[in-house]
């Protein structure tokens, strides 16, 4: 029968993880460690933090599971930013376990896209706006559900890009897997009476960015999310 480790050992494992994480954060803040850089060796971490090899390995394993470390056999461990994948998995589990639902998910997406839109109006970045224009044209020409789905996805990704906020972009990307599922479900149920006003909201959001008309796009974005609820 497997016994539970003593409470002191559990606390030690958590403390080890915190020590390694805080050390790496300090190295990043001091400019000694950057994205993609190789982490100090296990031996160096052991000596610097006064930890055992097993403790250091366990801490690095936890960081790898979180998406901040990638271990390459024979080369060592490297600092990466793949946390979005883990966040996407957590979100999917929350939805499966009914800790969240479609309504909450869309409310979060609307908040993110609204924030991106407000920045996009001010920045007026031509390249992502051009992508949105191409996406609208593709939506108008789409004959198959898959074509409409891909064009709609491109429109909203370009809207996030137009906002120029990397954190919003990262969170949106982490949500993309579940978002694609809901988008597919929504578009599969479209009839002509719903498709026309939905396409029109995209046209108005685009026009608002092209003309720097913040209220127009704000109203169109709110209507868009009301239609897909």
C-alpha atoms as a PDB file:
ATOM      1  CA  UNK A   1       0.000   0.000   0.000  1.00  0.00           C
ATOM      2  CA  UNK A   2       1.383   3.358  -1.029  1.00  0.00           C
ATOM      3  CA  UNK A   3       1.648   5.769   1.871  1.00  0.00           C
ATOM      4  CA  UNK A   4       1.208   9.489   1.650  1.00  0.00           C
ATOM      5  CA  UNK A   5       4.467  11.420   2.097  1.00  0.00           C
ATOM      6  CA  UNK A   6       4.822  13.292   5.393  1.00  0.00           C
ATOM      7  CA  UNK A   7       3.450  16.843   5.464  1.00  0.00           C
ATOM      8  CA  UNK A   8       6.992  18.160   5.924  1.00  0.00           C
ATOM      9  CA  UNK A   9       8.040  16.478   2.670  1.00  0.00           C
ATOM     10  CA  UNK A  10       5.049  17.949   0.789  1.00  0.00           C
ATOM     11  CA  UNK A  11       5.913  21.416   2.061  1.00  0.00           C
ATOM     12  CA  UNK A  12       9.528  20.838   1.095  1.00  0.00           C
ATOM     13  CA  UNK A  13       8.513  20.007  -2.500  1.00  0.00           C
ATOM     14  CA  UNK A  14       6.422  23.184  -2.751  1.00  0.00           C
ATOM     15  CA  UNK A  15       9.205  25.265  -1.224  1.00  0.00           C
ATOM     16  CA  UNK A  16      11.740  23.812  -3.660  1.00  0.00           C
ATOM     17  CA  UNK A  17       9.580  24.787  -6.611  1.00  0.00           C
ATOM     18  CA  UNK A  18       9.175  28.323  -5.239  1.00  0.00           C
ATOM     19  CA  UNK A  19      12.923  28.662  -4.678  1.00  0.00           C
ATOM     20  CA  UNK A  20      13.786  27.644  -8.232  1.00  0.00           C
ATOM     21  CA  UNK A  21      11.003  29.780  -9.729  1.00  0.00           C
ATOM     22  CA  UNK A  22      12.009  32.890  -7.746  1.00  0.00           C
ATOM     23  CA  UNK A  23      15.659  32.378  -8.658  1.00  0.00           C
ATOM     24  CA  UNK A  24      14.834  32.181 -12.381  1.00  0.00           C
ATOM     25  CA  UNK A  25      12.550  35.237 -12.130  1.00  0.00           C
ATOM     26  CA  UNK A  26      15.415  37.127 -10.522  1.00  0.00           C
ATOM     27  CA  UNK A  27      17.739  36.095 -13.341  1.00  0.00           C
ATOM     28  CA  UNK A  28      15.199  37.358 -15.900  1.00  0.00           C
ATOM     29  CA  UNK A  29      14.753  40.683 -14.100  1.00  0.00           C
ATOM     30  CA  UNK A  30      18.508  41.184 -13.991  1.00  0.00           C
ATOM     31  CA  UNK A  31      18.796  40.485 -17.717  1.00  0.00           C
ATOM     32  CA  UNK A  32      20.884  37.361 -17.178  1.00  0.00           C
ATOM     33  CA  UNK A  33      18.247  35.042 -18.618  1.00  0.00           C
ATOM     34  CA  UNK A  34      16.126  35.719 -21.704  1.00  0.00           C
ATOM     35  CA  UNK A  35      13.497  33.821 -23.678  1.00  0.00           C
ATOM     36  CA  UNK A  36      15.095  30.873 -25.465  1.00  0.00           C
ATOM     37  CA  UNK A  37      18.227  30.971 -23.308  1.00  0.00           C
ATOM     38  CA  UNK A  38      19.683  27.876 -21.689  1.00  0.00           C
ATOM     39  CA  UNK A  39      18.999  27.588 -17.975  1.00  0.00           C
ATOM     40  CA  UNK A  40      21.804  27.095 -15.466  1.00  0.00           C
ATOM     41  CA  UNK A  41      22.754  23.442 -15.128  1.00  0.00           C
ATOM     42  CA  UNK A  42      21.241  21.250 -12.424  1.00  0.00           C
ATOM     43  CA  UNK A  43      24.598  21.300 -10.660  1.00  0.00           C
ATOM     44  CA  UNK A  44      24.668  25.107 -10.697  1.00  0.00           C
ATOM     45  CA  UNK A  45      21.124  25.325  -9.324  1.00  0.00           C
ATOM     46  CA  UNK A  46      21.982  22.817  -6.617  1.00  0.00           C
ATOM     47  CA  UNK A  47      24.997  24.850  -5.532  1.00  0.00           C
ATOM     48  CA  UNK A  48      23.246  28.233  -5.804  1.00  0.00           C
ATOM     49  CA  UNK A  49      20.116  27.222  -3.911  1.00  0.00           C
ATOM     50  CA  UNK A  50      21.435  24.481  -1.632  1.00  0.00           C
ATOM     51  CA  UNK A  51      19.070  21.860  -3.015  1.00  0.00           C
ATOM     52  CA  UNK A  52      19.407  18.192  -3.858  1.00  0.00           C
ATOM     53  CA  UNK A  53      19.521  16.993  -7.466  1.00  0.00           C
ATOM     54  CA  UNK A  54      16.116  15.313  -7.119  1.00  0.00           C
ATOM     55  CA  UNK A  55      14.583  18.531  -5.759  1.00  0.00           C
ATOM     56  CA  UNK A  56      15.954  20.592  -8.648  1.00  0.00           C
ATOM     57  CA  UNK A  57      14.762  18.063 -11.206  1.00  0.00           C
ATOM     58  CA  UNK A  58      11.271  17.980  -9.705  1.00  0.00           C
ATOM     59  CA  UNK A  59      11.062  21.788  -9.750  1.00  0.00           C
ATOM     60  CA  UNK A  60      12.196  21.912 -13.401  1.00  0.00           C
ATOM     61  CA  UNK A  61       9.689  19.205 -14.278  1.00  0.00           C
ATOM     62  CA  UNK A  62       6.874  21.300 -12.767  1.00  0.00           C
ATOM     63  CA  UNK A  63       8.015  24.357 -14.722  1.00  0.00           C
ATOM     64  CA  UNK A  64       8.097  22.268 -17.880  1.00  0.00           C
ATOM     65  CA  UNK A  65       4.524  21.109 -17.243  1.00  0.00           C
ATOM     66  CA  UNK A  66       3.524  24.767 -16.885  1.00  0.00           C
ATOM     67  CA  UNK A  67       5.106  25.588 -20.252  1.00  0.00           C
ATOM     68  CA  UNK A  68       7.988  27.771 -19.055  1.00  0.00           C
ATOM     69  CA  UNK A  69      10.825  25.276 -19.455  1.00  0.00           C
ATOM     70  CA  UNK A  70      11.684  22.864 -22.248  1.00  0.00           C
ATOM     71  CA  UNK A  71      14.145  20.049 -21.628  1.00  0.00           C
ATOM     72  CA  UNK A  72      16.211  18.847 -24.592  1.00  0.00           C
ATOM     73  CA  UNK A  73      17.990  15.534 -24.154  1.00  0.00           C
ATOM     74  CA  UNK A  74      21.733  15.964 -24.080  1.00  0.00           C
ATOM     75  CA  UNK A  75      21.511  19.770 -24.252  1.00  0.00           C
ATOM     76  CA  UNK A  76      19.857  20.915 -21.050  1.00  0.00           C
ATOM     77  CA  UNK A  77      16.800  23.006 -20.181  1.00  0.00           C
ATOM     78  CA  UNK A  78      15.700  26.196 -21.939  1.00  0.00           C
ATOM     79  CA  UNK A  79      13.415  29.085 -21.013  1.00  0.00           C
ATOM     80  CA  UNK A  80      10.311  29.115 -23.238  1.00  0.00           C
ATOM     81  CA  UNK A  81       6.839  30.617 -23.210  1.00  0.00           C
ATOM     82  CA  UNK A  82       4.373  27.850 -24.033  1.00  0.00           C
ATOM     83  CA  UNK A  83       2.047  28.503 -21.105  1.00  0.00           C
ATOM     84  CA  UNK A  84      -0.857  29.157 -23.468  1.00  0.00           C
ATOM     85  CA  UNK A  85      -1.066  25.451 -24.292  1.00  0.00           C
ATOM     86  CA  UNK A  86      -1.437  24.605 -20.627  1.00  0.00           C
ATOM     87  CA  UNK A  87      -4.019  27.340 -20.133  1.00  0.00           C
ATOM     88  CA  UNK A  88      -6.003  26.036 -23.082  1.00  0.00           C
ATOM     89  CA  UNK A  89      -6.033  22.541 -21.534  1.00  0.00           C
ATOM     90  CA  UNK A  90      -7.123  23.923 -18.158  1.00  0.00           C
ATOM     91  CA  UNK A  91      -9.941  25.881 -19.795  1.00  0.00           C
ATOM     92  CA  UNK A  92     -11.130  22.810 -21.696  1.00  0.00           C
ATOM     93  CA  UNK A  93     -11.220  20.793 -18.465  1.00  0.00           C
ATOM     94  CA  UNK A  94     -13.138  23.576 -16.686  1.00  0.00           C
ATOM     95  CA  UNK A  95     -15.762  23.501 -19.424  1.00  0.00           C
ATOM     96  CA  UNK A  96     -15.974  19.698 -19.393  1.00  0.00           C
ATOM     97  CA  UNK A  97     -16.360  19.698 -15.614  1.00  0.00           C
ATOM     98  CA  UNK A  98     -18.985  22.455 -15.926  1.00  0.00           C
ATOM     99  CA  UNK A  99     -16.924  24.931 -13.905  1.00  0.00           C
ATOM    100  CA  UNK A 100     -17.551  27.378 -16.745  1.00  0.00           C
ATOM    101  CA  UNK A 101     -19.851  27.482 -19.772  1.00  0.00           C
ATOM    102  CA  UNK A 102     -20.350  28.943 -23.229  1.00  0.00           C
ATOM    103  CA  UNK A 103     -21.924  32.152 -21.881  1.00  0.00           C
ATOM    104  CA  UNK A 104     -18.949  32.859 -19.605  1.00  0.00           C
ATOM    105  CA  UNK A 105     -16.509  31.977 -22.369  1.00  0.00           C
ATOM    106  CA  UNK A 106     -18.133  34.395 -24.822  1.00  0.00           C
ATOM    107  CA  UNK A 107     -18.271  37.117 -22.161  1.00  0.00           C
ATOM    108  CA  UNK A 108     -14.512  36.760 -21.688  1.00  0.00           C
ATOM    109  CA  UNK A 109     -13.915  36.817 -25.441  1.00  0.00           C
ATOM    110  CA  UNK A 110     -16.075  39.914 -25.828  1.00  0.00           C
ATOM    111  CA  UNK A 111     -14.091  41.699 -23.109  1.00  0.00           C
ATOM    112  CA  UNK A 112     -10.789  40.855 -24.776  1.00  0.00           C
ATOM    113  CA  UNK A 113     -11.919  41.830 -28.270  1.00  0.00           C
ATOM    114  CA  UNK A 114     -13.507  45.045 -27.022  1.00  0.00           C
ATOM    115  CA  UNK A 115     -10.241  46.035 -25.359  1.00  0.00           C
ATOM    116  CA  UNK A 116      -8.331  45.144 -28.533  1.00  0.00           C
ATOM    117  CA  UNK A 117     -10.788  47.149 -30.638  1.00  0.00           C
ATOM    118  CA  UNK A 118     -10.394  50.295 -28.533  1.00  0.00           C
ATOM    119  CA  UNK A 119      -6.624  50.134 -29.026  1.00  0.00           C
ATOM    120  CA  UNK A 120      -7.004  49.287 -32.716  1.00  0.00           C
ATOM    121  CA  UNK A 121      -9.043  52.448 -33.345  1.00  0.00           C
ATOM    122  CA  UNK A 122      -6.273  54.563 -31.839  1.00  0.00           C
ATOM    123  CA  UNK A 123      -3.392  52.732 -33.524  1.00  0.00           C
ATOM    124  CA  UNK A 124      -4.972  52.422 -37.002  1.00  0.00           C
ATOM    125  CA  UNK A 125      -2.447  49.768 -38.080  1.00  0.00           C
ATOM    126  CA  UNK A 126      -2.904  49.242 -41.842  1.00  0.00           C
ATOM    127  CA  UNK A 127      -1.712  45.629 -42.199  1.00  0.00           C
ATOM    128  CA  UNK A 128      -4.138  43.894 -39.820  1.00  0.00           C
ATOM    129  CA  UNK A 129      -6.986  46.123 -41.036  1.00  0.00           C
ATOM    130  CA  UNK A 130      -6.206  44.986 -44.575  1.00  0.00           C
ATOM    131  CA  UNK A 131      -6.364  41.365 -43.383  1.00  0.00           C
ATOM    132  CA  UNK A 132      -9.772  42.069 -41.855  1.00  0.00           C
ATOM    133  CA  UNK A 133     -10.951  43.499 -45.178  1.00  0.00           C
ATOM    134  CA  UNK A 134      -9.792  40.355 -46.979  1.00  0.00           C
ATOM    135  CA  UNK A 135     -11.547  38.226 -44.354  1.00  0.00           C
ATOM    136  CA  UNK A 136     -14.834  40.081 -44.868  1.00  0.00           C
ATOM    137  CA  UNK A 137     -14.562  39.555 -48.629  1.00  0.00           C
ATOM    138  CA  UNK A 138     -13.927  35.843 -48.045  1.00  0.00           C
ATOM    139  CA  UNK A 139     -16.948  35.631 -45.731  1.00  0.00           C
ATOM    140  CA  UNK A 140     -19.138  37.212 -48.421  1.00  0.00           C
ATOM    141  CA  UNK A 141     -17.921  34.711 -51.039  1.00  0.00           C
ATOM    142  CA  UNK A 142     -17.987  31.641 -48.779  1.00  0.00           C
ATOM    143  CA  UNK A 143     -20.100  28.773 -50.112  1.00  0.00           C
ATOM    144  CA  UNK A 144     -19.111  26.107 -47.600  1.00  0.00           C
ATOM    145  CA  UNK A 145     -19.333  26.211 -43.773  1.00  0.00           C
ATOM    146  CA  UNK A 146     -15.598  25.577 -43.514  1.00  0.00           C
ATOM    147  CA  UNK A 147     -14.798  28.573 -45.725  1.00  0.00           C
ATOM    148  CA  UNK A 148     -17.002  30.847 -43.636  1.00  0.00           C
ATOM    149  CA  UNK A 149     -15.477  29.496 -40.429  1.00  0.00           C
ATOM    150  CA  UNK A 150     -11.903  30.123 -41.587  1.00  0.00           C
ATOM    151  CA  UNK A 151     -12.689  33.653 -42.796  1.00  0.00           C
ATOM    152  CA  UNK A 152     -14.456  34.534 -39.539  1.00  0.00           C
ATOM    153  CA  UNK A 153     -11.522  33.167 -37.542  1.00  0.00           C
ATOM    154  CA  UNK A 154      -9.096  35.278 -39.570  1.00  0.00           C
ATOM    155  CA  UNK A 155     -11.199  38.404 -39.040  1.00  0.00           C
ATOM    156  CA  UNK A 156     -11.119  38.126 -35.256  1.00  0.00           C
ATOM    157  CA  UNK A 157      -7.446  37.155 -35.109  1.00  0.00           C
ATOM    158  CA  UNK A 158      -6.639  40.220 -37.196  1.00  0.00           C
ATOM    159  CA  UNK A 159      -8.743  42.385 -34.884  1.00  0.00           C
ATOM    160  CA  UNK A 160      -6.660  41.183 -31.933  1.00  0.00           C
ATOM    161  CA  UNK A 161      -3.495  41.828 -33.954  1.00  0.00           C
ATOM    162  CA  UNK A 162      -4.712  45.345 -34.771  1.00  0.00           C
ATOM    163  CA  UNK A 163      -4.947  46.055 -31.050  1.00  0.00           C
ATOM    164  CA  UNK A 164      -1.216  45.495 -30.659  1.00  0.00           C
ATOM    165  CA  UNK A 165      -1.453  44.111 -27.095  1.00  0.00           C
ATOM    166  CA  UNK A 166       0.718  41.010 -26.726  1.00  0.00           C
ATOM    167  CA  UNK A 167      -0.937  39.876 -23.506  1.00  0.00           C
ATOM    168  CA  UNK A 168      -4.417  40.018 -25.030  1.00  0.00           C
ATOM    169  CA  UNK A 169      -3.042  38.161 -28.057  1.00  0.00           C
ATOM    170  CA  UNK A 170      -1.525  35.436 -25.851  1.00  0.00           C
ATOM    171  CA  UNK A 171      -4.718  34.914 -23.855  1.00  0.00           C
ATOM    172  CA  UNK A 172      -6.814  34.869 -27.037  1.00  0.00           C
ATOM    173  CA  UNK A 173      -4.514  32.294 -28.584  1.00  0.00           C
ATOM    174  CA  UNK A 174      -4.865  30.132 -25.484  1.00  0.00           C
ATOM    175  CA  UNK A 175      -8.642  30.346 -25.879  1.00  0.00           C
ATOM    176  CA  UNK A 176      -8.550  29.580 -29.612  1.00  0.00           C
ATOM    177  CA  UNK A 177      -9.142  25.831 -29.394  1.00  0.00           C
ATOM    178  CA  UNK A 178     -12.391  26.190 -27.468  1.00  0.00           C
ATOM    179  CA  UNK A 179     -13.285  29.286 -29.481  1.00  0.00           C
ATOM    180  CA  UNK A 180     -12.978  27.353 -32.729  1.00  0.00           C
ATOM    181  CA  UNK A 181     -15.349  24.708 -31.376  1.00  0.00           C
ATOM    182  CA  UNK A 182     -17.990  27.279 -30.440  1.00  0.00           C
ATOM    183  CA  UNK A 183     -17.517  29.096 -33.765  1.00  0.00           C
ATOM    184  CA  UNK A 184     -18.096  25.862 -35.668  1.00  0.00           C
ATOM    185  CA  UNK A 185     -21.263  25.138 -33.681  1.00  0.00           C
ATOM    186  CA  UNK A 186     -22.589  28.680 -34.196  1.00  0.00           C
ATOM    187  CA  UNK A 187     -21.923  28.896 -37.929  1.00  0.00           C
ATOM    188  CA  UNK A 188     -23.338  25.421 -38.531  1.00  0.00           C
ATOM    189  CA  UNK A 189     -26.717  26.659 -37.249  1.00  0.00           C
ATOM    190  CA  UNK A 190     -26.800  29.855 -39.329  1.00  0.00           C
ATOM    191  CA  UNK A 191     -29.722  30.491 -41.611  1.00  0.00           C
ATOM    192  CA  UNK A 192     -29.892  33.358 -44.105  1.00  0.00           C
ATOM    193  CA  UNK A 193     -31.857  35.534 -41.693  1.00  0.00           C
ATOM    194  CA  UNK A 194     -29.050  35.299 -39.138  1.00  0.00           C
ATOM    195  CA  UNK A 195     -26.109  35.225 -41.533  1.00  0.00           C
ATOM    196  CA  UNK A 196     -26.954  38.612 -43.069  1.00  0.00           C
ATOM    197  CA  UNK A 197     -26.893  40.646 -39.827  1.00  0.00           C
ATOM    198  CA  UNK A 198     -23.838  38.695 -38.594  1.00  0.00           C
ATOM    199  CA  UNK A 199     -21.901  39.575 -41.759  1.00  0.00           C
ATOM    200  CA  UNK A 200     -23.059  43.153 -41.394  1.00  0.00           C
ATOM    201  CA  UNK A 201     -21.525  43.433 -37.918  1.00  0.00           C
ATOM    202  CA  UNK A 202     -18.151  42.445 -39.402  1.00  0.00           C
ATOM    203  CA  UNK A 203     -18.508  45.062 -42.142  1.00  0.00           C
ATOM    204  CA  UNK A 204     -19.317  47.761 -39.599  1.00  0.00           C
ATOM    205  CA  UNK A 205     -16.411  46.843 -37.323  1.00  0.00           C
ATOM    206  CA  UNK A 206     -14.100  47.034 -40.331  1.00  0.00           C
ATOM    207  CA  UNK A 207     -15.561  50.368 -41.480  1.00  0.00           C
ATOM    208  CA  UNK A 208     -15.151  51.765 -37.967  1.00  0.00           C
ATOM    209  CA  UNK A 209     -11.448  50.954 -38.007  1.00  0.00           C
ATOM    210  CA  UNK A 210     -11.009  52.345 -41.504  1.00  0.00           C
ATOM    211  CA  UNK A 211     -12.705  55.624 -40.540  1.00  0.00           C
ATOM    212  CA  UNK A 212     -11.624  55.804 -36.864  1.00  0.00           C
ATOM    213  CA  UNK A 213     -15.282  55.803 -35.832  1.00  0.00           C
ATOM    214  CA  UNK A 214     -15.024  54.317 -32.327  1.00  0.00           C
ATOM    215  CA  UNK A 215     -18.767  54.347 -31.434  1.00  0.00           C
ATOM    216  CA  UNK A 216     -19.738  52.593 -34.692  1.00  0.00           C
ATOM    217  CA  UNK A 217     -17.407  49.669 -34.085  1.00  0.00           C
ATOM    218  CA  UNK A 218     -18.232  49.510 -30.380  1.00  0.00           C
ATOM    219  CA  UNK A 219     -21.937  49.067 -31.162  1.00  0.00           C
ATOM    220  CA  UNK A 220     -21.246  46.556 -33.954  1.00  0.00           C
ATOM    221  CA  UNK A 221     -19.001  44.449 -31.718  1.00  0.00           C
ATOM    222  CA  UNK A 222     -21.649  44.352 -28.974  1.00  0.00           C
ATOM    223  CA  UNK A 223     -24.280  43.330 -31.535  1.00  0.00           C
ATOM    224  CA  UNK A 224     -21.979  40.649 -32.926  1.00  0.00           C
ATOM    225  CA  UNK A 225     -21.615  38.923 -29.564  1.00  0.00           C
ATOM    226  CA  UNK A 226     -25.332  39.259 -28.899  1.00  0.00           C
ATOM    227  CA  UNK A 227     -26.038  37.427 -32.167  1.00  0.00           C
ATOM    228  CA  UNK A 228     -23.711  34.513 -31.403  1.00  0.00           C
ATOM    229  CA  UNK A 229     -24.918  33.988 -27.831  1.00  0.00           C
END
